[in-house]
Each structure stands twice: as C-alpha cells, then as structure tokens.
C-alpha cells in the first residue's frame, strides 16, 4: 500500500443499522486527479467525510500519507483541504476577512496569513472584490472563495465534494481552469461530481461506487472500453408514456445486443456491444411495443454510459439536497483537534 490515500475494506454502519459502506477499497496516487463517482445515497459523501476526519468509520483501514485518519487526525488535517457541497463562507465578512479567518484557524501567523490571502485573491480573480462582503457575491464567486479557503494552508491533498453543482457553465469552466493549475503545481485532487464529462476530461483515474461498494475503477478510457463501447439514443414521441414505456423497456430487455436501457425525457439510451448490429433489432422491438421512433443516433461510449452500465441509471437522476457540512466547520474542528 503505497498511495497517498489508501482505503481498504472501509465499512460504515450508522446507528439504527443503516449501512452506508460495505467494504470500500481504493488508492489515490500523489499528484493525480482522482474521481469518486456514484449515485446519491451510494456512499460518496460518507467516504469523503471519513477521509477528512469528520465521521468515524465502523471498520477498515483509512490512511493518508501513511497516517491513520482516526489515530492521527491532527496530522491528517494539516495535509488536506476540504470544500464541501454547500459553500462555507461567512456572508457577514469580506472575501479578505474570510480568508484571514481561515488562515488563523489553520495556525498561520498573522503576517503569513495576510500574504497568503493576498496571493490567493489575486490568483483566483477575487482581488477586486476583496473588501466586499460575501453576501453580495454571485454563486460562482462564492464557490471560488470557498475553494480558496480550502487552499490557505497549502494542502498536499484537496477534497472537493460536488464543487460545481449549481454553477453556470462559464463559472464551472473558470473553476476547472484554476483546479487544473493547482494540480499541475503538485496538488493531489480527490473529486466527487455529477458532471461526468468533467471527470472524463480531468481525472487520471476514477472509481464508481454504488450501494456502498466500489463497482468499477480505472482510467476513463479503460472503463469506456470495458463498458462495451457504443450507445444508441432513440428519440420517441412525447405521447409515449405509462404502460407503453413499460412495454418498451420490457421489449428492449430481451433485444439482442442491448445491455442497459435508460429514459432521459423522451429519449431512450441503450448500451450495446455493436450499434450497427443492434439497430434493426431495436427498431423491431420498439415497433412490436407500439412505440413510434422519431430518430436514432449511435455514438461511442462516454463516462456517463459507463456510469449507466454499472449503476443502472444516469448521474444526477436522483439528485437530493446537498450536505450541510462546510469548509469552515471542518477548519474549526481541525483547529480544536477533534
């Protein structure tokens, strides 16, 4: 076990018997961007909270740079930064005051905290808003400020739990540009996201968790190849609903070459081994089910298709409210040594 992060047979059962993790194992190498993907309720956030020392494990091994997260939490917290799903900035403070507070909570001396604050505000395009209260910021600016808070103490390892949820495309692109720069400078990034095209483009490796277990892991390219390679998207008439949808699913379940079926609005996405060989059987199956076809297209598999293959549905289909844990909460507890 030589990774910067080593997780072996991690299990978590909450009071009352609810099992969140049922034997999770993976490693994260230093310097990589590691994507941790899965449906809501799959155990992603529980895993992250255990890794950042906010939640105790039930059993298993969790090491960061060789240190056990429960036996030596203070040392682990000094190495990591954490930006949670909900933005953890203080609306009554200015951007500069938020960062100075984080610096002091992480043990930086006043002069060092001021210098680090000024550097980060400039690097992340927030210098012009340094004296504005955070309540006046846009969603993208608030997310950038929250991310910067997690970087004040120069962590070797940065945990990001759904960092771009709710951001517009331009803000997401800006944020990922900054994160790419951090990674190139040597920061290891542990990422959970519902935007699988981002994980496909940015992550060196990914792991997919479902029902508390890792069901697939590897490079995005290798996982796409293993998933079978091709997808057929069938657009049907908006009138197709209710029992006809059920008949369509039942018919396609027995269609040659079709391995997975998912609805997205008025379109069916089919995972197939060979789109050319499967097109005619799909048409016959849907015709038998009484489902009119408007259009059909075939493409290579994406990471979203891999997600569908292993979990049975697409990322974000079952979105729920985000966690209430914040970066500020984590920092306060780190300072107190809890």
Foldseek 3Di string as FASTA:
>chain_A
DQAQKWWFQFWAADPVGRTQAGTATDGHHFLFAEEEEEAVSLNVVVVVCCQLLNDPTPDTAIHGNRDGCVVCVLVSNLQEFEFFPDQDFDQAAFLLVRQLVLCVLSPHDNVLSNVLSCVLCVLLVNNVRRRPGPVPDDPLVSLSSQQSSRCSSPHQEYEYEASCPPHDPVSVVSVVVSVVVSSVVGRYYYYYHQPQVCCLPGGQKYFYGGNNYTQDIDRQVVLLVVLQWKKKKWAFDQVQDDPLVVQLVVLQVPFPFWQAWEDDRRMIITRGNDCVVRVVSSVVSSVVSVIGTDDMDMDTDGVQSSNCNRHVYGRPPPDDDTDPDGSVNSSNCSSVVD
